[in-house]
């Protein structure tokens, strides 16, 4: 069970890192990237 939980955390971390890279790569899309992040973490419908 611990391994499954760790895999989930690493998956979320990978998504976060990918989104961060997108923000850095495309400064004009910061608002869109922020919306994507909020959506991924369930803070926005």
PDB file of N, CA and C in Angstrom:
ATOM      1  N   UNK A   1       0.838  -1.207   0.000  1.00  0.00           N
ATOM      2  CA  UNK A   1       0.000   0.000   0.000  1.00  0.00           C
ATOM      3  C   UNK A   1       0.874   1.259   0.000  1.00  0.00           C
ATOM      4  N   UNK A   2       1.971   1.183   0.730  1.00  0.00           N
ATOM      5  CA  UNK A   2       2.867   2.336   0.791  1.00  0.00           C
ATOM      6  C   UNK A   2       3.432   2.656  -0.597  1.00  0.00           C
ATOM      7  N   UNK A   3       3.793   1.611  -1.350  1.00  0.00           N
ATOM      8  CA  UNK A   3       4.335   1.818  -2.691  1.00  0.00           C
ATOM      9  C   UNK A   3       3.322   2.486  -3.610  1.00  0.00           C
ATOM     10  N   UNK A   4       2.052   2.066  -3.477  1.00  0.00           N
ATOM     11  CA  UNK A   4       1.008   2.656  -4.313  1.00  0.00           C
ATOM     12  C   UNK A   4       0.866   4.139  -4.003  1.00  0.00           C
ATOM     13  N   UNK A   5       0.918   4.468  -2.717  1.00  0.00           N
ATOM     14  CA  UNK A   5       0.785   5.866  -2.314  1.00  0.00           C
ATOM     15  C   UNK A   5       1.968   6.680  -2.841  1.00  0.00           C
ATOM     16  N   UNK A   6       3.156   6.124  -2.750  1.00  0.00           N
ATOM     17  CA  UNK A   6       4.348   6.816  -3.249  1.00  0.00           C
ATOM     18  C   UNK A   6       4.241   7.047  -4.751  1.00  0.00           C
ATOM     19  N   UNK A   7       3.750   6.047  -5.467  1.00  0.00           N
ATOM     20  CA  UNK A   7       3.596   6.186  -6.916  1.00  0.00           C
ATOM     21  C   UNK A   7       2.640   7.325  -7.242  1.00  0.00           C
ATOM     22  N   UNK A   8       1.588   7.448  -6.451  1.00  0.00           N
ATOM     23  CA  UNK A   8       0.616   8.518  -6.671  1.00  0.00           C
ATOM     24  C   UNK A   8       1.255   9.878  -6.426  1.00  0.00           C
ATOM     25  N   UNK A   9       2.031   9.979  -5.356  1.00  0.00           N
ATOM     26  CA  UNK A   9       2.702  11.245  -5.044  1.00  0.00           C
ATOM     27  C   UNK A   9       3.672  11.615  -6.160  1.00  0.00           C
ATOM     28  N   UNK A  10       4.457  10.621  -6.618  1.00  0.00           N
ATOM     29  CA  UNK A  10       5.411  10.898  -7.691  1.00  0.00           C
ATOM     30  C   UNK A  10       4.689  11.283  -8.977  1.00  0.00           C
ATOM     31  N   UNK A  11       3.538  10.687  -9.222  1.00  0.00           N
ATOM     32  CA  UNK A  11       2.758  11.046 -10.397  1.00  0.00           C
ATOM     33  C   UNK A  11       2.303  12.498 -10.340  1.00  0.00           C
ATOM     34  N   UNK A  12       1.823  12.919  -9.176  1.00  0.00           N
ATOM     35  CA  UNK A  12       1.393  14.313  -9.010  1.00  0.00           C
ATOM     36  C   UNK A  12       2.584  15.249  -9.148  1.00  0.00           C
ATOM     37  N   UNK A  13       3.747  14.827  -8.610  1.00  0.00           N
ATOM     38  CA  UNK A  13       4.955  15.643  -8.697  1.00  0.00           C
ATOM     39  C   UNK A  13       5.374  15.802 -10.157  1.00  0.00           C
ATOM     40  N   UNK A  14       5.288  14.709 -10.920  1.00  0.00           N
ATOM     41  CA  UNK A  14       5.647  14.760 -12.337  1.00  0.00           C
ATOM     42  C   UNK A  14       4.728  15.717 -13.094  1.00  0.00           C
ATOM     43  N   UNK A  15       3.430  15.676 -12.788  1.00  0.00           N
ATOM     44  CA  UNK A  15       2.468  16.587 -13.413  1.00  0.00           C
ATOM     45  C   UNK A  15       2.812  18.033 -13.061  1.00  0.00           C
ATOM     46  N   UNK A  16       3.141  18.260 -11.783  1.00  0.00           N
ATOM     47  CA  UNK A  16       3.474  19.607 -11.327  1.00  0.00           C
ATOM     48  C   UNK A  16       4.722  20.124 -12.031  1.00  0.00           C
ATOM     49  N   UNK A  17       5.757  19.268 -12.118  1.00  0.00           N
ATOM     50  CA  UNK A  17       7.001  19.660 -12.792  1.00  0.00           C
ATOM     51  C   UNK A  17       6.734  19.955 -14.264  1.00  0.00           C
ATOM     52  N   UNK A  18       5.930  19.112 -14.903  1.00  0.00           N
ATOM     53  CA  UNK A  18       5.601  19.338 -16.302  1.00  0.00           C
ATOM     54  C   UNK A  18       4.878  20.662 -16.508  1.00  0.00           C
ATOM     55  N   UNK A  19       3.946  20.965 -15.624  1.00  0.00           N
ATOM     56  CA  UNK A  19       3.208  22.228 -15.718  1.00  0.00           C
ATOM     57  C   UNK A  19       4.144  23.407 -15.486  1.00  0.00           C
ATOM     58  N   UNK A  20       5.075  23.254 -14.540  1.00  0.00           N
ATOM     59  CA  UNK A  20       6.044  24.319 -14.261  1.00  0.00           C
ATOM     60  C   UNK A  20       6.910  24.573 -15.487  1.00  0.00           C
ATOM     61  N   UNK A  21       7.353  23.500 -16.139  1.00  0.00           N
ATOM     62  CA  UNK A  21       8.157  23.644 -17.356  1.00  0.00           C
ATOM     63  C   UNK A  21       7.345  24.357 -18.427  1.00  0.00           C
ATOM     64  N   UNK A  22       6.065  24.025 -18.537  1.00  0.00           N
ATOM     65  CA  UNK A  22       5.199  24.699 -19.505  1.00  0.00           C
ATOM     66  C   UNK A  22       5.119  26.190 -19.210  1.00  0.00           C
ATOM     67  N   UNK A  23       4.995  26.548 -17.927  1.00  0.00           N
ATOM     68  CA  UNK A  23       4.918  27.957 -17.535  1.00  0.00           C
ATOM     69  C   UNK A  23       6.206  28.671 -17.929  1.00  0.00           C
ATOM     70  N   UNK A  24       7.353  28.020 -17.674  1.00  0.00           N
ATOM     71  CA  UNK A  24       8.643  28.632 -17.993  1.00  0.00           C
ATOM     72  C   UNK A  24       8.818  28.753 -19.506  1.00  0.00           C
ATOM     73  N   UNK A  25       8.384  27.732 -20.240  1.00  0.00           N
ATOM     74  CA  UNK A  25       8.589  27.695 -21.689  1.00  0.00           C
ATOM     75  C   UNK A  25       7.681  28.674 -22.429  1.00  0.00           C
ATOM     76  N   UNK A  26       6.493  28.876 -21.905  1.00  0.00           N
ATOM     77  CA  UNK A  26       5.519  29.715 -22.595  1.00  0.00           C
ATOM     78  C   UNK A  26       4.996  30.800 -21.659  1.00  0.00           C
ATOM     79  N   UNK A  27       5.774  31.855 -21.452  1.00  0.00           N
ATOM     80  CA  UNK A  27       5.381  32.905 -20.492  1.00  0.00           C
ATOM     81  C   UNK A  27       4.034  33.545 -20.826  1.00  0.00           C
ATOM     82  N   UNK A  28       3.656  33.557 -22.100  1.00  0.00           N
ATOM     83  CA  UNK A  28       2.410  34.197 -22.484  1.00  0.00           C
ATOM     84  C   UNK A  28       1.200  33.393 -22.016  1.00  0.00           C
ATOM     85  N   UNK A  29       1.428  32.115 -21.685  1.00  0.00           N
ATOM     86  CA  UNK A  29       0.323  31.231 -21.317  1.00  0.00           C
ATOM     87  C   UNK A  29       0.250  30.989 -19.816  1.00  0.00           C
ATOM     88  N   UNK A  30       0.816  31.918 -19.026  1.00  0.00           N
ATOM     89  CA  UNK A  30       0.862  31.698 -17.577  1.00  0.00           C
ATOM     90  C   UNK A  30      -0.542  31.520 -17.005  1.00  0.00           C
ATOM     91  N   UNK A  31      -1.482  32.354 -17.434  1.00  0.00           N
ATOM     92  CA  UNK A  31      -2.843  32.255 -16.896  1.00  0.00           C
ATOM     93  C   UNK A  31      -3.451  30.899 -17.211  1.00  0.00           C
ATOM     94  N   UNK A  32      -3.263  30.454 -18.443  1.00  0.00           N
ATOM     95  CA  UNK A  32      -3.815  29.164 -18.854  1.00  0.00           C
ATOM     96  C   UNK A  32      -3.151  28.031 -18.080  1.00  0.00           C
ATOM     97  N   UNK A  33      -1.841  28.110 -17.912  1.00  0.00           N
ATOM     98  CA  UNK A  33      -1.113  27.077 -17.176  1.00  0.00           C
ATOM     99  C   UNK A  33      -1.555  27.047 -15.721  1.00  0.00           C
ATOM    100  N   UNK A  34      -1.781  28.230 -15.142  1.00  0.00           N
ATOM    101  CA  UNK A  34      -2.246  28.295 -13.758  1.00  0.00           C
ATOM    102  C   UNK A  34      -3.624  27.652 -13.640  1.00  0.00           C
ATOM    103  N   UNK A  35      -4.484  27.928 -14.607  1.00  0.00           N
ATOM    104  CA  UNK A  35      -5.811  27.302 -14.613  1.00  0.00           C
ATOM    105  C   UNK A  35      -5.686  25.783 -14.689  1.00  0.00           C
ATOM    106  N   UNK A  36      -4.744  25.314 -15.536  1.00  0.00           N
ATOM    107  CA  UNK A  36      -4.530  23.870 -15.663  1.00  0.00           C
ATOM    108  C   UNK A  36      -4.088  23.278 -14.334  1.00  0.00           C
ATOM    109  N   UNK A  37      -3.168  23.978 -13.649  1.00  0.00           N
ATOM    110  CA  UNK A  37      -2.683  23.495 -12.351  1.00  0.00           C
ATOM    111  C   UNK A  37      -3.829  23.412 -11.350  1.00  0.00           C
ATOM    112  N   UNK A  38      -4.631  24.469 -11.269  1.00  0.00           N
ATOM    113  CA  UNK A  38      -5.752  24.488 -10.330  1.00  0.00           C
ATOM    114  C   UNK A  38      -6.719  23.353 -10.638  1.00  0.00           C
ATOM    115  N   UNK A  39      -6.963  23.134 -11.930  1.00  0.00           N
ATOM    116  CA  UNK A  39      -7.871  22.063 -12.338  1.00  0.00           C
ATOM    117  C   UNK A  39      -7.313  20.700 -11.929  1.00  0.00           C
ATOM    118  N   UNK A  40      -6.000  20.505 -12.153  1.00  0.00           N
ATOM    119  CA  UNK A  40      -5.373  19.222 -11.834  1.00  0.00           C
ATOM    120  C   UNK A  40      -5.467  18.897 -10.352  1.00  0.00           C
ATOM    121  N   UNK A  41      -5.335  19.928  -9.523  1.00  0.00           N
ATOM    122  CA  UNK A  41      -5.367  19.692  -8.082  1.00  0.00           C
ATOM    123  C   UNK A  41      -6.776  19.844  -7.507  1.00  0.00           C
ATOM    124  N   UNK A  42      -7.766  19.949  -8.401  1.00  0.00           N
ATOM    125  CA  UNK A  42      -9.158  19.924  -7.974  1.00  0.00           C
ATOM    126  C   UNK A  42      -9.643  21.205  -7.324  1.00  0.00           C
ATOM    127  N   UNK A  43      -8.966  22.331  -7.612  1.00  0.00           N
ATOM    128  CA  UNK A  43      -9.361  23.592  -6.989  1.00  0.00           C
ATOM    129  C   UNK A  43     -10.296  24.396  -7.891  1.00  0.00           C
ATOM    130  N   UNK A  44     -10.495  23.906  -9.112  1.00  0.00           N
ATOM    131  CA  UNK A  44     -11.313  24.648 -10.065  1.00  0.00           C
ATOM    132  C   UNK A  44     -12.164  23.651 -10.832  1.00  0.00           C
ATOM    133  N   UNK A  45     -13.400  24.018 -11.067  1.00  0.00           N
ATOM    134  CA  UNK A  45     -14.298  23.111 -11.795  1.00  0.00           C
ATOM    135  C   UNK A  45     -14.093  23.245 -13.295  1.00  0.00           C
TER     136      UNK A  45
END
